Amino acid sequence: MDISLQSRLLQVLQDGAFPRLGGERDVVVNSRVTTTTKDHLESLIKERKFREDLFFRISVMTITVPPLLERREQIIPFSEYFMNFCRKTGATLSAKATRLLRISYKTLLYKIQKYRLDESRDRGRTGKGPRSF
């Protein structure tokens, strides 16, 4: 987010008001803000790319969610949830999203089948339990 936009956002959060474009009076708002980022804000503050005062204003409660690559067991349930959601609501995915989802799902199924074959071979040779992947 551009640094000038950060200062405007901070001002709206502090004052609870902002000027309407072309208007004569400020619009008063009572709002709560939820933010998310993939960036490490503390390092951006050190690089002077993110305002420290805005960081303290928005970081009331922090929830860290590990990347999906670290939670592979949740990939299939998430895929099923979103596909069911699209079916129920009539929402459509873009052609690119549908293609990527199909490719990812087929790749995942292939890897699971390959893992099961490798696991059964390993168990037969070594007597050990399943491997993690």
N, C-alpha and C. Protein backbone atom coordinates (compact mmCIF):
# COMPACT_ATOMS: atom_id res chain seq x y z
N MET A 1 0.86 -1.17 0.00
CA MET A 1 0.00 0.00 0.00
C MET A 1 0.90 1.23 0.00
N ASP A 2 0.58 2.16 -0.84
CA ASP A 2 1.36 3.39 -0.96
C ASP A 2 1.36 4.14 0.37
N ILE A 3 2.47 4.77 0.72
CA ILE A 3 2.63 5.45 2.00
C ILE A 3 1.64 6.61 2.17
N SER A 4 1.29 7.28 1.07
CA SER A 4 0.33 8.39 1.17
C SER A 4 -1.07 7.86 1.48
N LEU A 5 -1.41 6.72 0.93
CA LEU A 5 -2.69 6.10 1.24
C LEU A 5 -2.72 5.62 2.69
N GLN A 6 -1.58 5.16 3.19
CA GLN A 6 -1.49 4.74 4.59
C GLN A 6 -1.80 5.90 5.54
N SER A 7 -1.29 7.08 5.23
CA SER A 7 -1.56 8.23 6.10
C SER A 7 -3.03 8.61 6.08
N ARG A 8 -3.67 8.52 4.91
CA ARG A 8 -5.11 8.81 4.83
C ARG A 8 -5.93 7.79 5.60
N LEU A 9 -5.57 6.52 5.48
CA LEU A 9 -6.27 5.47 6.21
C LEU A 9 -6.12 5.66 7.71
N LEU A 10 -4.93 5.99 8.15
CA LEU A 10 -4.70 6.24 9.58
C LEU A 10 -5.56 7.39 10.06
N GLN A 11 -5.66 8.44 9.29
CA GLN A 11 -6.47 9.58 9.68
C GLN A 11 -7.95 9.21 9.80
N VAL A 12 -8.46 8.41 8.86
CA VAL A 12 -9.86 7.97 8.93
C VAL A 12 -10.06 7.10 10.17
N LEU A 13 -9.13 6.21 10.45
CA LEU A 13 -9.26 5.34 11.62
C LEU A 13 -9.23 6.15 12.92
N GLN A 14 -8.39 7.17 12.98
CA GLN A 14 -8.28 7.98 14.19
C GLN A 14 -9.48 8.92 14.36
N ASP A 15 -9.87 9.59 13.28
CA ASP A 15 -10.91 10.61 13.37
C ASP A 15 -12.32 10.05 13.22
N GLY A 16 -12.44 8.92 12.53
CA GLY A 16 -13.76 8.36 12.26
C GLY A 16 -14.52 9.19 11.25
N ALA A 17 -13.81 9.90 10.39
CA ALA A 17 -14.46 10.73 9.37
C ALA A 17 -13.52 10.89 8.18
N PHE A 18 -14.14 11.14 7.02
CA PHE A 18 -13.34 11.40 5.82
C PHE A 18 -14.12 12.35 4.92
N PRO A 19 -13.40 13.14 4.12
CA PRO A 19 -14.09 14.08 3.22
C PRO A 19 -14.65 13.36 2.00
N ARG A 20 -15.88 13.63 1.67
CA ARG A 20 -16.49 13.07 0.47
C ARG A 20 -15.91 13.80 -0.74
N LEU A 21 -15.65 13.06 -1.78
CA LEU A 21 -15.09 13.65 -2.99
C LEU A 21 -16.06 14.68 -3.55
N GLY A 22 -15.66 15.94 -3.61
CA GLY A 22 -16.50 17.01 -4.11
C GLY A 22 -17.51 17.52 -3.11
N GLY A 23 -17.49 16.94 -1.90
CA GLY A 23 -18.46 17.35 -0.89
C GLY A 23 -17.93 18.48 -0.02
N GLU A 24 -18.82 19.09 0.75
CA GLU A 24 -18.43 20.20 1.62
C GLU A 24 -18.19 19.76 3.05
N ARG A 25 -18.82 18.64 3.45
CA ARG A 25 -18.67 18.18 4.83
C ARG A 25 -18.01 16.81 4.88
N ASP A 26 -17.45 16.49 6.05
CA ASP A 26 -16.88 15.16 6.26
C ASP A 26 -17.99 14.15 6.49
N VAL A 27 -17.74 12.94 6.04
CA VAL A 27 -18.65 11.82 6.29
C VAL A 27 -18.15 11.13 7.55
N VAL A 28 -19.01 11.02 8.56
CA VAL A 28 -18.64 10.38 9.82
C VAL A 28 -18.97 8.90 9.72
N VAL A 29 -18.01 8.06 10.10
CA VAL A 29 -18.20 6.61 10.05
C VAL A 29 -17.85 5.99 11.40
N ASN A 30 -18.56 4.94 11.74
CA ASN A 30 -18.24 4.13 12.91
C ASN A 30 -17.98 2.74 12.38
N SER A 31 -16.72 2.36 12.28
CA SER A 31 -16.40 1.10 11.62
C SER A 31 -15.32 0.33 12.35
N ARG A 32 -15.26 -0.95 12.02
CA ARG A 32 -14.19 -1.83 12.47
C ARG A 32 -13.48 -2.32 11.21
N VAL A 33 -12.20 -2.55 11.34
CA VAL A 33 -11.41 -2.91 10.17
C VAL A 33 -10.71 -4.24 10.42
N THR A 34 -10.79 -5.13 9.45
CA THR A 34 -10.04 -6.38 9.48
C THR A 34 -9.02 -6.31 8.36
N THR A 35 -7.78 -6.58 8.68
CA THR A 35 -6.73 -6.50 7.67
C THR A 35 -6.02 -7.85 7.56
N THR A 36 -5.40 -8.07 6.42
CA THR A 36 -4.61 -9.27 6.21
C THR A 36 -3.45 -8.93 5.29
N THR A 37 -2.37 -9.64 5.44
CA THR A 37 -1.21 -9.43 4.58
C THR A 37 -0.37 -10.69 4.53
N LYS A 38 0.35 -10.84 3.44
CA LYS A 38 1.32 -11.92 3.35
C LYS A 38 2.72 -11.40 3.69
N ASP A 39 2.83 -10.09 3.82
CA ASP A 39 4.12 -9.46 4.08
C ASP A 39 4.41 -9.40 5.58
N HIS A 40 5.66 -9.30 5.92
CA HIS A 40 6.09 -9.15 7.30
C HIS A 40 6.16 -7.64 7.59
N LEU A 41 5.14 -7.12 8.27
CA LEU A 41 5.02 -5.67 8.43
C LEU A 41 6.16 -5.06 9.25
N GLU A 42 6.65 -5.80 10.24
CA GLU A 42 7.75 -5.26 11.05
C GLU A 42 8.97 -4.94 10.19
N SER A 43 9.27 -5.81 9.22
CA SER A 43 10.41 -5.53 8.34
C SER A 43 10.10 -4.37 7.39
N LEU A 44 8.84 -4.25 6.96
CA LEU A 44 8.47 -3.12 6.11
C LEU A 44 8.56 -1.79 6.87
N ILE A 45 8.28 -1.83 8.16
CA ILE A 45 8.43 -0.62 8.99
C ILE A 45 9.90 -0.21 9.03
N LYS A 46 10.78 -1.18 9.21
CA LYS A 46 12.22 -0.88 9.25
C LYS A 46 12.71 -0.32 7.92
N GLU A 47 12.11 -0.80 6.82
CA GLU A 47 12.48 -0.31 5.49
C GLU A 47 11.76 0.99 5.14
N ARG A 48 10.94 1.49 6.04
CA ARG A 48 10.15 2.71 5.87
C ARG A 48 9.14 2.60 4.71
N LYS A 49 8.61 1.38 4.54
CA LYS A 49 7.59 1.16 3.52
C LYS A 49 6.20 1.02 4.15
N PHE A 50 6.15 0.96 5.48
CA PHE A 50 4.87 0.88 6.19
C PHE A 50 4.96 1.74 7.44
N ARG A 51 3.90 2.48 7.72
CA ARG A 51 3.89 3.41 8.85
C ARG A 51 3.75 2.66 10.17
N GLU A 52 4.63 2.99 11.10
CA GLU A 52 4.60 2.33 12.41
C GLU A 52 3.33 2.68 13.17
N ASP A 53 2.87 3.94 13.09
CA ASP A 53 1.65 4.33 13.81
C ASP A 53 0.42 3.61 13.26
N LEU A 54 0.38 3.37 11.95
CA LEU A 54 -0.73 2.61 11.37
C LEU A 54 -0.66 1.15 11.81
N PHE A 55 0.55 0.62 11.87
CA PHE A 55 0.73 -0.76 12.33
C PHE A 55 0.15 -0.94 13.73
N PHE A 56 0.47 -0.04 14.64
CA PHE A 56 -0.04 -0.16 16.00
C PHE A 56 -1.55 0.07 16.07
N ARG A 57 -2.08 0.86 15.16
CA ARG A 57 -3.52 1.10 15.13
C ARG A 57 -4.28 -0.14 14.66
N ILE A 58 -3.74 -0.88 13.70
CA ILE A 58 -4.46 -2.03 13.15
C ILE A 58 -4.09 -3.36 13.79
N SER A 59 -3.00 -3.43 14.52
CA SER A 59 -2.58 -4.73 15.07
C SER A 59 -3.07 -4.93 16.50
N VAL A 60 -4.37 -4.86 16.67
CA VAL A 60 -4.97 -5.07 17.99
C VAL A 60 -4.92 -6.55 18.35
N MET A 61 -5.25 -7.40 17.39
CA MET A 61 -5.21 -8.84 17.60
C MET A 61 -4.59 -9.47 16.35
N THR A 62 -3.59 -10.31 16.55
CA THR A 62 -2.90 -10.93 15.43
C THR A 62 -3.18 -12.43 15.42
N ILE A 63 -3.57 -12.94 14.28
CA ILE A 63 -3.77 -14.37 14.08
C ILE A 63 -2.84 -14.79 12.95
N THR A 64 -1.96 -15.72 13.22
CA THR A 64 -1.05 -16.20 12.20
C THR A 64 -1.56 -17.54 11.67
N VAL A 65 -1.77 -17.61 10.38
CA VAL A 65 -2.26 -18.83 9.74
C VAL A 65 -1.12 -19.37 8.89
N PRO A 66 -0.68 -20.59 9.15
CA PRO A 66 0.41 -21.15 8.34
C PRO A 66 -0.03 -21.32 6.89
N PRO A 67 0.91 -21.28 5.96
CA PRO A 67 0.55 -21.46 4.55
C PRO A 67 -0.07 -22.84 4.33
N LEU A 68 -0.90 -22.93 3.30
CA LEU A 68 -1.57 -24.18 2.99
C LEU A 68 -0.58 -25.29 2.67
N LEU A 69 0.58 -24.95 2.17
CA LEU A 69 1.61 -25.97 1.90
C LEU A 69 2.04 -26.68 3.18
N GLU A 70 1.89 -26.00 4.32
CA GLU A 70 2.23 -26.62 5.60
C GLU A 70 1.03 -27.35 6.21
N ARG A 71 -0.14 -27.25 5.55
CA ARG A 71 -1.36 -27.90 6.03
C ARG A 71 -1.97 -28.70 4.89
N ARG A 72 -1.18 -29.55 4.28
CA ARG A 72 -1.61 -30.29 3.08
C ARG A 72 -2.88 -31.10 3.30
N GLU A 73 -3.08 -31.58 4.51
CA GLU A 73 -4.27 -32.40 4.78
C GLU A 73 -5.56 -31.60 4.63
N GLN A 74 -5.48 -30.28 4.57
CA GLN A 74 -6.67 -29.44 4.44
C GLN A 74 -6.98 -29.07 2.98
N ILE A 75 -6.14 -29.46 2.05
CA ILE A 75 -6.34 -29.08 0.66
C ILE A 75 -7.62 -29.68 0.10
N ILE A 76 -7.81 -30.98 0.27
CA ILE A 76 -9.01 -31.62 -0.28
C ILE A 76 -10.27 -31.10 0.38
N PRO A 77 -10.34 -31.00 1.74
CA PRO A 77 -11.56 -30.43 2.32
C PRO A 77 -11.85 -29.01 1.85
N PHE A 78 -10.84 -28.16 1.69
CA PHE A 78 -11.05 -26.81 1.17
C PHE A 78 -11.58 -26.85 -0.26
N SER A 79 -10.98 -27.70 -1.09
CA SER A 79 -11.43 -27.81 -2.48
C SER A 79 -12.88 -28.24 -2.53
N GLU A 80 -13.23 -29.25 -1.74
CA GLU A 80 -14.61 -29.73 -1.72
C GLU A 80 -15.56 -28.65 -1.23
N TYR A 81 -15.16 -27.92 -0.19
CA TYR A 81 -16.01 -26.85 0.35
C TYR A 81 -16.30 -25.80 -0.72
N PHE A 82 -15.27 -25.33 -1.41
CA PHE A 82 -15.47 -24.28 -2.40
C PHE A 82 -16.24 -24.77 -3.62
N MET A 83 -16.02 -26.02 -4.01
CA MET A 83 -16.80 -26.55 -5.13
C MET A 83 -18.27 -26.67 -4.74
N ASN A 84 -18.56 -27.15 -3.53
CA ASN A 84 -19.94 -27.24 -3.05
C ASN A 84 -20.56 -25.85 -2.91
N PHE A 85 -19.79 -24.89 -2.43
CA PHE A 85 -20.28 -23.52 -2.31
C PHE A 85 -20.69 -22.97 -3.67
N CYS A 86 -19.86 -23.21 -4.67
CA CYS A 86 -20.16 -22.74 -6.03
C CYS A 86 -21.42 -23.41 -6.56
N ARG A 87 -21.57 -24.71 -6.31
CA ARG A 87 -22.76 -25.42 -6.77
C ARG A 87 -24.02 -24.87 -6.10
N LYS A 88 -23.97 -24.67 -4.77
CA LYS A 88 -25.15 -24.22 -4.01
C LYS A 88 -25.55 -22.80 -4.36
N THR A 89 -24.58 -21.92 -4.50
CA THR A 89 -24.88 -20.51 -4.72
C THR A 89 -25.00 -20.14 -6.19
N GLY A 90 -24.61 -21.05 -7.05
CA GLY A 90 -24.65 -20.74 -8.48
C GLY A 90 -23.48 -19.87 -8.91
N ALA A 91 -22.51 -19.68 -8.00
CA ALA A 91 -21.32 -18.88 -8.33
C ALA A 91 -20.50 -19.63 -9.37
N THR A 92 -19.84 -18.89 -10.21
CA THR A 92 -18.99 -19.51 -11.23
C THR A 92 -17.56 -19.06 -11.03
N LEU A 93 -16.67 -19.96 -11.34
CA LEU A 93 -15.25 -19.64 -11.31
C LEU A 93 -14.83 -19.22 -12.71
N SER A 94 -13.81 -18.42 -12.78
CA SER A 94 -13.30 -18.06 -14.09
C SER A 94 -12.75 -19.31 -14.77
N ALA A 95 -12.61 -19.26 -16.06
CA ALA A 95 -12.08 -20.40 -16.80
C ALA A 95 -10.69 -20.77 -16.32
N LYS A 96 -9.90 -19.76 -16.04
CA LYS A 96 -8.53 -20.00 -15.58
C LYS A 96 -8.54 -20.67 -14.20
N ALA A 97 -9.39 -20.19 -13.28
CA ALA A 97 -9.47 -20.78 -11.94
C ALA A 97 -9.94 -22.22 -12.02
N THR A 98 -10.94 -22.50 -12.86
CA THR A 98 -11.45 -23.86 -13.01
C THR A 98 -10.37 -24.78 -13.55
N ARG A 99 -9.65 -24.30 -14.56
CA ARG A 99 -8.57 -25.11 -15.14
C ARG A 99 -7.49 -25.40 -14.11
N LEU A 100 -7.08 -24.38 -13.36
CA LEU A 100 -6.04 -24.57 -12.34
C LEU A 100 -6.51 -25.51 -11.24
N LEU A 101 -7.77 -25.38 -10.84
CA LEU A 101 -8.30 -26.26 -9.80
C LEU A 101 -8.32 -27.70 -10.27
N ARG A 102 -8.75 -27.93 -11.51
CA ARG A 102 -8.77 -29.29 -12.05
C ARG A 102 -7.36 -29.88 -12.13
N ILE A 103 -6.42 -29.07 -12.61
CA ILE A 103 -5.03 -29.53 -12.72
C ILE A 103 -4.49 -29.84 -11.33
N SER A 104 -4.71 -28.94 -10.38
CA SER A 104 -4.20 -29.14 -9.02
C SER A 104 -4.83 -30.37 -8.39
N TYR A 105 -6.13 -30.56 -8.59
CA TYR A 105 -6.83 -31.69 -8.00
C TYR A 105 -6.33 -33.00 -8.59
N LYS A 106 -6.17 -33.04 -9.92
CA LYS A 106 -5.66 -34.24 -10.58
C LYS A 106 -4.23 -34.54 -10.12
N THR A 107 -3.41 -33.51 -10.01
CA THR A 107 -2.04 -33.68 -9.54
C THR A 107 -2.03 -34.22 -8.12
N LEU A 108 -2.89 -33.66 -7.28
CA LEU A 108 -2.97 -34.11 -5.89
C LEU A 108 -3.41 -35.57 -5.82
N LEU A 109 -4.43 -35.94 -6.59
CA LEU A 109 -4.89 -37.33 -6.59
C LEU A 109 -3.78 -38.27 -7.06
N TYR A 110 -3.04 -37.84 -8.10
CA TYR A 110 -1.93 -38.64 -8.59
C TYR A 110 -0.88 -38.84 -7.49
N LYS A 111 -0.55 -37.77 -6.77
CA LYS A 111 0.46 -37.86 -5.72
C LYS A 111 -0.02 -38.76 -4.57
N ILE A 112 -1.31 -38.67 -4.25
CA ILE A 112 -1.85 -39.53 -3.18
C ILE A 112 -1.76 -40.99 -3.59
N GLN A 113 -2.15 -41.29 -4.84
CA GLN A 113 -2.07 -42.67 -5.31
C GLN A 113 -0.63 -43.16 -5.33
N LYS A 114 0.28 -42.33 -5.80
CA LYS A 114 1.70 -42.68 -5.83
C LYS A 114 2.22 -42.89 -4.41
N TYR A 115 1.81 -42.03 -3.49
CA TYR A 115 2.22 -42.14 -2.09
C TYR A 115 1.73 -43.47 -1.52
N ARG A 116 0.49 -43.84 -1.81
CA ARG A 116 -0.05 -45.10 -1.28
C ARG A 116 0.72 -46.29 -1.83
N LEU A 117 1.07 -46.25 -3.12
CA LEU A 117 1.86 -47.34 -3.70
C LEU A 117 3.23 -47.41 -3.06
N ASP A 118 3.90 -46.26 -2.93
CA ASP A 118 5.22 -46.22 -2.31
C ASP A 118 5.15 -46.70 -0.86
N GLU A 119 4.09 -46.28 -0.17
CA GLU A 119 3.92 -46.66 1.24
C GLU A 119 3.78 -48.17 1.37
N SER A 120 2.96 -48.79 0.50
CA SER A 120 2.77 -50.23 0.59
C SER A 120 4.06 -50.97 0.24
N ARG A 121 4.82 -50.46 -0.71
CA ARG A 121 6.12 -51.07 -1.05
C ARG A 121 7.08 -50.96 0.13
N ASP A 122 7.15 -49.76 0.74
CA ASP A 122 8.05 -49.54 1.88
C ASP A 122 7.68 -50.44 3.05
N ARG A 123 6.40 -50.55 3.32
CA ARG A 123 5.93 -51.35 4.44
C ARG A 123 6.26 -52.82 4.20
N GLY A 124 6.16 -53.24 2.95
CA GLY A 124 6.46 -54.63 2.61
C GLY A 124 7.92 -54.96 2.77
N ARG A 125 8.80 -53.99 2.47
CA ARG A 125 10.26 -54.24 2.55
C ARG A 125 10.81 -54.04 3.94
N THR A 126 10.36 -52.98 4.62
CA THR A 126 11.00 -52.62 5.88
C THR A 126 10.14 -52.90 7.11
N GLY A 127 8.85 -53.12 6.90
CA GLY A 127 7.97 -53.35 8.04
C GLY A 127 7.64 -52.07 8.78
N LYS A 128 8.08 -50.93 8.26
CA LYS A 128 7.82 -49.65 8.90
C LYS A 128 6.44 -49.13 8.53
N GLY A 129 5.96 -48.16 9.28
CA GLY A 129 4.67 -47.54 9.01
C GLY A 129 4.76 -46.55 7.87
N PRO A 130 3.74 -45.76 7.68
CA PRO A 130 3.68 -44.81 6.56
C PRO A 130 4.69 -43.70 6.67
N ARG A 131 5.11 -43.20 5.51
CA ARG A 131 5.99 -42.04 5.46
C ARG A 131 5.17 -40.78 5.45
N SER A 132 5.78 -39.67 5.82
CA SER A 132 5.08 -38.40 5.67
C SER A 132 5.51 -37.77 4.37
N PHE A 133 4.62 -37.01 3.73
CA PHE A 133 4.98 -36.32 2.48
C PHE A 133 4.57 -34.90 2.54
